């Protein structure tokens, strides 16, 4: 969704008066609220992975009265093309994906050698078919001071006025352990910055609580642990207060980049050239081993050298 904002910005740049409504999973709507290009967010009334033929058709029928001129489909699935088709949207743009002949009428050919990044593939859908590879605008989430103040009060935070530096650590990665830098390495970095007077905040879902607990245990409980305690909207608002962010290749990494933070992005099994943080301040650390990127959830060689070989000292050197 963060990378999709580049498409929204590109559309606004080329058609300043256009109205952009976004059909998306309900849990992403709070993120869309931070994107000024989006006029309205519409929740898909289905859980992830459910086909829901009749629900998708009914949703399409309900959208006919909106009079949309064009639908741009980012997923490549057949089911995602049903709602725009039944909404009678005259131009339905997307890659062929799962043989979506008929459902789409503005079918684009994906040249992976030309469009090497996910964000390029998104932005290209806003351009004519014969356009050159796009220059992609950087995502930019907009967080008000009022929203920041709400989370400060909600979580009873005390911001150190003598040293306002806050380091956000994102030790999780939903995809699997082959994308997760070791928790003890995060703890080493945290101890070093705490000794320098920084606050250290830990972010992630409930699935990341074990790693966060290890980091906190190894730092004498001096980190503020938000894992599993926040909604997505609250996590975004809290992260907007951070000075710098260290993250695995994850959704929170892209959020931090879109908040214009100094991001140190750690890559193991994934490809930094395919889904990099879209921020000029971002620093990517990858060992570029011969076995990487393997795109596996767990290291097929059993050693995870692509991650364990990235030492805390390297990250601290970039952070300082």
Protein backbone atom coordinates (compact mmCIF):
# COMPACT_ATOMS: atom_id res chain seq x y z
CA UNK A 1 0.00 0.00 0.00
CA UNK A 2 2.87 2.39 0.72
CA UNK A 3 4.35 1.70 -2.71
CA UNK A 4 0.91 2.26 -4.24
CA UNK A 5 1.08 5.87 -3.07
CA UNK A 6 3.69 6.47 -5.76
CA UNK A 7 0.99 5.60 -8.29
CA UNK A 8 -1.48 7.95 -6.62
CA UNK A 9 1.04 10.81 -6.70
CA UNK A 10 1.84 10.10 -10.36
CA UNK A 11 -1.87 10.23 -11.22
CA UNK A 12 -2.26 13.55 -9.42
CA UNK A 13 0.80 14.94 -11.19
CA UNK A 14 -0.59 14.08 -14.62
CA UNK A 15 -4.28 14.76 -13.81
CA UNK A 16 -4.36 17.33 -10.98
CA UNK A 17 -8.15 17.39 -10.78
CA UNK A 18 -8.71 13.66 -10.66
CA UNK A 19 -10.51 11.96 -7.78
CA UNK A 20 -8.77 8.83 -6.51
CA UNK A 21 -10.83 6.33 -4.56
CA UNK A 22 -9.06 3.19 -3.35
CA UNK A 23 -10.63 -0.22 -2.85
CA UNK A 24 -8.50 -2.07 -0.33
CA UNK A 25 -8.50 -4.45 2.65
CA UNK A 26 -10.09 -2.86 5.71
CA UNK A 27 -6.92 -3.02 7.80
CA UNK A 28 -5.12 -0.69 5.35
CA UNK A 29 -7.71 2.10 5.48
CA UNK A 30 -5.96 3.92 8.33
CA UNK A 31 -2.83 4.06 6.18
CA UNK A 32 -4.80 5.50 3.27
CA UNK A 33 -6.01 8.27 5.59
CA UNK A 34 -2.42 9.57 5.69
CA UNK A 35 -2.24 9.89 1.89
CA UNK A 36 -3.56 13.31 0.80
CA UNK A 37 -4.01 12.10 -2.80
CA UNK A 38 -6.79 9.69 -1.79
CA UNK A 39 -10.33 11.06 -1.75
CA UNK A 40 -12.06 7.99 -0.36
CA UNK A 41 -11.07 4.53 0.86
CA UNK A 42 -13.49 1.64 0.35
CA UNK A 43 -13.09 -1.55 2.34
CA UNK A 44 -13.16 -4.89 0.55
CA UNK A 45 -15.84 -6.80 2.50
CA UNK A 46 -13.89 -10.08 2.50
CA UNK A 47 -11.06 -11.58 4.55
CA UNK A 48 -7.73 -12.08 2.84
CA UNK A 49 -7.62 -15.12 0.58
CA UNK A 50 -11.39 -15.61 0.32
CA UNK A 51 -12.77 -15.74 -3.20
CA UNK A 52 -16.28 -14.45 -2.36
CA UNK A 53 -17.70 -14.36 -5.88
CA UNK A 54 -21.12 -12.96 -4.98
CA UNK A 55 -19.70 -10.40 -2.54
CA UNK A 56 -17.35 -9.07 -5.24
CA UNK A 57 -20.18 -8.90 -7.78
CA UNK A 58 -22.49 -7.11 -5.33
CA UNK A 59 -19.76 -4.63 -4.49
CA UNK A 60 -19.27 -3.92 -8.19
CA UNK A 61 -23.00 -3.38 -8.71
CA UNK A 62 -23.07 -0.97 -5.75
CA UNK A 63 -20.26 1.11 -7.27
CA UNK A 64 -21.94 1.68 -10.65
CA UNK A 65 -23.54 4.91 -9.45
CA UNK A 66 -20.09 6.40 -8.69
CA UNK A 67 -19.44 6.85 -12.42
CA UNK A 68 -15.75 6.00 -12.32
CA UNK A 69 -13.81 6.59 -15.55
CA UNK A 70 -10.99 4.12 -14.93
CA UNK A 71 -10.01 1.31 -12.62
CA UNK A 72 -6.33 0.50 -12.12
CA UNK A 73 -5.73 -2.94 -10.67
CA UNK A 74 -2.54 -3.57 -8.74
CA UNK A 75 -3.19 -7.22 -7.78
CA UNK A 76 -2.73 -9.69 -10.63
CA UNK A 77 -5.49 -12.03 -9.45
CA UNK A 78 -8.59 -12.93 -11.45
CA UNK A 79 -10.88 -12.28 -8.48
CA UNK A 80 -9.61 -8.70 -8.05
CA UNK A 81 -10.84 -7.84 -11.56
CA UNK A 82 -14.44 -8.89 -10.89
CA UNK A 83 -15.59 -5.80 -8.98
CA UNK A 84 -14.44 -3.21 -11.59
CA UNK A 85 -16.02 -5.33 -14.35
CA UNK A 86 -19.41 -5.48 -12.64
CA UNK A 87 -19.13 -1.80 -11.72
CA UNK A 88 -19.18 -1.09 -15.50
CA UNK A 89 -16.04 1.02 -15.27
CA UNK A 90 -15.23 1.77 -18.93
CA UNK A 91 -11.42 1.54 -18.71
CA UNK A 92 -10.01 -1.32 -16.63
CA UNK A 93 -6.23 -1.25 -16.56
CA UNK A 94 -3.85 -3.90 -15.30
CA UNK A 95 -1.40 -6.63 -16.17
CA UNK A 96 -2.86 -9.80 -17.65
CA UNK A 97 -2.05 -11.76 -14.50
CA UNK A 98 -4.34 -14.76 -14.15
CA UNK A 99 -5.61 -14.66 -17.76
CA UNK A 100 -7.99 -11.77 -17.18
CA UNK A 101 -9.10 -11.44 -20.81
CA UNK A 102 -12.49 -9.72 -20.90
CA UNK A 103 -12.38 -8.57 -17.31
CA UNK A 104 -9.68 -6.07 -18.27
CA UNK A 105 -9.78 -4.03 -21.47
CA UNK A 106 -6.56 -2.06 -21.05
CA UNK A 107 -4.16 -4.96 -20.63
CA UNK A 108 -0.49 -4.15 -20.11
CA UNK A 109 2.44 -6.44 -20.82
CA UNK A 110 4.81 -6.72 -17.90
CA UNK A 111 8.44 -6.64 -19.01
CA UNK A 112 10.24 -7.63 -15.81
CA UNK A 113 13.62 -6.81 -17.32
CA UNK A 114 12.46 -3.22 -17.96
CA UNK A 115 10.34 -2.71 -14.84
CA UNK A 116 12.61 -4.27 -12.26
CA UNK A 117 10.98 -2.74 -9.17
CA UNK A 118 7.49 -3.28 -7.80
CA UNK A 119 6.88 0.45 -7.54
CA UNK A 120 7.79 0.92 -11.23
CA UNK A 121 5.22 -1.70 -12.18
CA UNK A 122 2.59 0.19 -10.22
CA UNK A 123 3.41 3.65 -11.61
CA UNK A 124 3.64 2.36 -15.19
CA UNK A 125 -0.09 1.62 -15.05
CA UNK A 126 -0.75 5.37 -14.88
CA UNK A 127 1.11 5.95 -18.15
CA UNK A 128 0.36 5.21 -21.80
CA UNK A 129 1.27 1.71 -22.94
CA UNK A 130 4.25 2.91 -24.99
CA UNK A 131 5.70 5.17 -22.26
CA UNK A 132 9.27 4.83 -21.06
CA UNK A 133 10.00 3.29 -17.64
CA UNK A 134 8.60 5.76 -15.13
CA UNK A 135 10.33 8.00 -12.68
CA UNK A 136 8.59 7.05 -9.46
CA UNK A 137 7.56 9.71 -6.94
CA UNK A 138 8.53 8.97 -3.36
CA UNK A 139 5.65 8.04 -1.04
CA UNK A 140 4.97 10.69 1.59
CA UNK A 141 2.60 9.98 4.46
CA UNK A 142 1.10 13.03 6.15
CA UNK A 143 0.86 12.93 9.96
CA UNK A 144 -0.53 15.91 11.86
CA UNK A 145 0.78 17.14 15.19
CA UNK A 146 -2.68 16.48 16.61
CA UNK A 147 -2.38 12.79 15.75
CA UNK A 148 1.08 12.69 17.30
CA UNK A 149 -0.18 14.31 20.48
CA UNK A 150 -3.00 11.77 20.75
CA UNK A 151 -0.61 8.81 20.78
CA UNK A 152 1.79 10.58 23.14
CA UNK A 153 -1.04 10.96 25.64
CA UNK A 154 -2.56 7.55 24.95
CA UNK A 155 0.67 5.68 25.64
CA UNK A 156 1.74 8.10 28.40
CA UNK A 157 5.04 8.84 26.72
CA UNK A 158 7.67 11.11 28.19
CA UNK A 159 9.78 12.62 25.45
CA UNK A 160 13.21 13.56 26.69
CA UNK A 161 13.55 17.26 26.00
CA UNK A 162 17.31 17.20 26.62
CA UNK A 163 17.79 14.56 23.94
CA UNK A 164 14.82 14.12 21.62
CA UNK A 165 16.50 11.29 19.69
CA UNK A 166 14.30 8.22 19.33
CA UNK A 167 15.46 5.03 17.62
CA UNK A 168 12.69 2.79 16.28
CA UNK A 169 13.56 -0.89 15.86
CA UNK A 170 11.43 -3.19 13.72
CA UNK A 171 12.77 -6.70 14.36
CA UNK A 172 9.95 -8.62 12.69
CA UNK A 173 9.16 -9.68 9.13
CA UNK A 174 5.91 -11.44 8.40
CA UNK A 175 7.41 -13.46 5.55
CA UNK A 176 9.74 -15.54 7.68
CA UNK A 177 13.00 -15.83 9.65
CA UNK A 178 15.17 -15.54 6.53
CA UNK A 179 14.31 -11.83 6.52
CA UNK A 180 14.92 -11.21 10.24
CA UNK A 181 18.19 -9.80 11.52
CA UNK A 182 19.06 -11.55 14.84
CA UNK A 183 17.33 -10.13 17.91
CA UNK A 184 20.61 -10.07 19.84
CA UNK A 185 22.09 -7.81 17.15
CA UNK A 186 19.17 -5.41 17.55
CA UNK A 187 19.83 -5.53 21.32
CA UNK A 188 23.50 -4.64 20.79
CA UNK A 189 22.49 -1.57 18.77
CA UNK A 190 19.85 -0.63 21.32
CA UNK A 191 22.30 -0.79 24.25
CA UNK A 192 24.76 1.43 22.40
CA UNK A 193 22.19 4.12 21.60
CA UNK A 194 20.62 4.01 25.08
CA UNK A 195 24.09 4.66 26.50
CA UNK A 196 24.20 7.76 24.29
CA UNK A 197 20.92 9.02 25.74
CA UNK A 198 18.56 7.84 23.00
CA UNK A 199 15.15 6.36 23.62
CA UNK A 200 14.59 3.03 21.85
CA UNK A 201 11.12 1.98 20.76
CA UNK A 202 10.23 -1.50 19.48
CA UNK A 203 7.57 -1.93 16.79
CA UNK A 204 5.79 -4.94 15.36
CA UNK A 205 2.78 -7.20 15.60
CA UNK A 206 1.95 -9.72 18.32
CA UNK A 207 4.01 -12.24 16.34
CA UNK A 208 7.11 -10.15 17.03
CA UNK A 209 6.69 -10.01 20.80
CA UNK A 210 9.17 -12.80 21.51
CA UNK A 211 11.94 -11.00 19.62
CA UNK A 212 11.00 -7.71 21.27
CA UNK A 213 11.07 -9.36 24.70
CA UNK A 214 14.56 -10.71 24.02
CA UNK A 215 15.77 -7.27 22.95
CA UNK A 216 14.25 -5.69 26.04
CA UNK A 217 15.68 -8.39 28.29
CA UNK A 218 19.17 -7.79 26.93
CA UNK A 219 18.82 -4.03 27.44
CA UNK A 220 17.64 -4.28 31.09
CA UNK A 221 14.10 -3.40 30.08
CA UNK A 222 15.06 0.09 28.92
CA UNK A 223 13.27 -0.11 25.56
CA UNK A 224 9.64 0.90 25.09
CA UNK A 225 7.90 -2.12 23.61
CA UNK A 226 4.94 -1.39 21.32
CA UNK A 227 4.81 -4.83 19.67
CA UNK A 228 1.27 -6.15 19.68
CA UNK A 229 0.02 -3.06 21.54
CA UNK A 230 -0.89 -0.75 18.67
CA UNK A 231 -3.16 -0.57 15.69
CA UNK A 232 -1.52 0.15 12.35
CA UNK A 233 -2.61 3.79 12.59
CA UNK A 234 -1.09 4.14 16.06
CA UNK A 235 2.16 2.52 14.96
CA UNK A 236 2.43 4.96 12.05
CA UNK A 237 1.72 7.95 14.29
CA UNK A 238 4.28 6.77 16.86
CA UNK A 239 6.91 6.09 14.22
CA UNK A 240 6.46 9.63 12.91
CA UNK A 241 8.08 10.77 16.18
CA UNK A 242 11.24 8.72 15.63
CA UNK A 243 14.60 10.14 14.63
CA UNK A 244 15.82 7.01 12.86
CA UNK A 245 14.51 3.54 12.09
CA UNK A 246 16.30 0.20 11.76
CA UNK A 247 14.19 -2.42 10.08
CA UNK A 248 14.19 -5.70 8.25
CA UNK A 249 12.62 -5.73 4.79
CA UNK A 250 9.03 -5.38 5.98
CA UNK A 251 5.93 -3.24 5.73
CA UNK A 252 7.11 -1.07 8.61
CA UNK A 253 10.31 -0.35 6.68
CA UNK A 254 8.24 1.12 3.86
CA UNK A 255 6.15 3.10 6.35
CA UNK A 256 9.30 4.58 7.90
CA UNK A 257 10.63 5.54 4.48
CA UNK A 258 7.32 7.21 3.58
CA UNK A 259 7.54 9.17 6.85
CA UNK A 260 10.85 10.58 5.55
CA UNK A 261 12.87 9.03 8.35
CA UNK A 262 16.49 8.00 8.22
CA UNK A 263 15.97 4.31 7.54
CA UNK A 264 18.55 1.57 7.79
CA UNK A 265 17.07 -1.36 5.91
CA UNK A 266 18.58 -4.81 6.45
CA UNK A 267 18.16 -7.33 3.66
CA UNK A 268 18.77 -11.07 3.86
CA UNK A 269 16.82 -13.43 1.63
CA UNK A 270 15.03 -10.69 -0.31
CA UNK A 271 16.20 -8.38 -3.08
CA UNK A 272 16.83 -4.70 -2.23
CA UNK A 273 16.60 -3.93 -5.93
CA UNK A 274 13.03 -5.20 -6.16
CA UNK A 275 11.36 -3.59 -3.12
CA UNK A 276 13.76 -0.97 -1.74
CA UNK A 277 12.74 1.70 0.77
CA UNK A 278 11.62 4.66 -1.34
CA UNK A 279 13.45 7.43 0.47
CA UNK A 280 16.66 9.31 -0.34
CA UNK A 281 17.62 9.09 3.34
CA UNK A 282 17.45 5.30 3.35
CA UNK A 283 20.57 3.16 3.70
CA UNK A 284 20.40 -0.42 2.51
CA UNK A 285 22.68 -3.01 4.09
CA UNK A 286 23.00 -6.27 2.19
CA UNK A 287 25.96 -8.60 1.91
CA UNK A 288 25.00 -9.62 -1.64
CA UNK A 289 26.12 -13.20 -1.07
CA UNK A 290 26.14 -15.64 -3.96
CA UNK A 291 23.21 -17.51 -2.37
CA UNK A 292 21.10 -14.36 -2.06
CA UNK A 293 18.47 -13.37 -2.81
CA UNK A 294 16.85 -16.77 -2.42
CA UNK A 295 13.40 -15.41 -1.48
CA UNK A 296 12.91 -18.30 0.94
CA UNK A 297 11.09 -18.02 4.27
CA UNK A 298 13.86 -20.00 5.96
CA UNK A 299 17.49 -20.30 4.93
CA UNK A 300 17.72 -23.37 2.64
CA UNK A 301 21.39 -23.77 3.62
CA UNK A 302 20.64 -23.62 7.35
CA UNK A 303 23.12 -20.86 8.24
CA UNK A 304 21.49 -17.46 7.46
CA UNK A 305 24.91 -15.95 6.79
CA UNK A 306 23.24 -13.22 4.73
CA UNK A 307 21.90 -11.87 8.04
CA UNK A 308 24.32 -13.03 10.73
CA UNK A 309 27.19 -11.63 8.67
CA UNK A 310 25.77 -8.11 9.05
CA UNK A 311 27.28 -7.04 12.37
CA UNK A 312 25.83 -4.45 14.77
CA UNK A 313 28.95 -2.33 14.28
CA UNK A 314 28.12 -1.92 10.58
CA UNK A 315 24.64 -0.71 11.40
CA UNK A 316 25.91 1.66 14.09
CA UNK A 317 28.43 3.14 11.66
CA UNK A 318 25.61 4.01 9.27
CA UNK A 319 23.39 5.26 12.06
CA UNK A 320 25.94 7.63 13.56
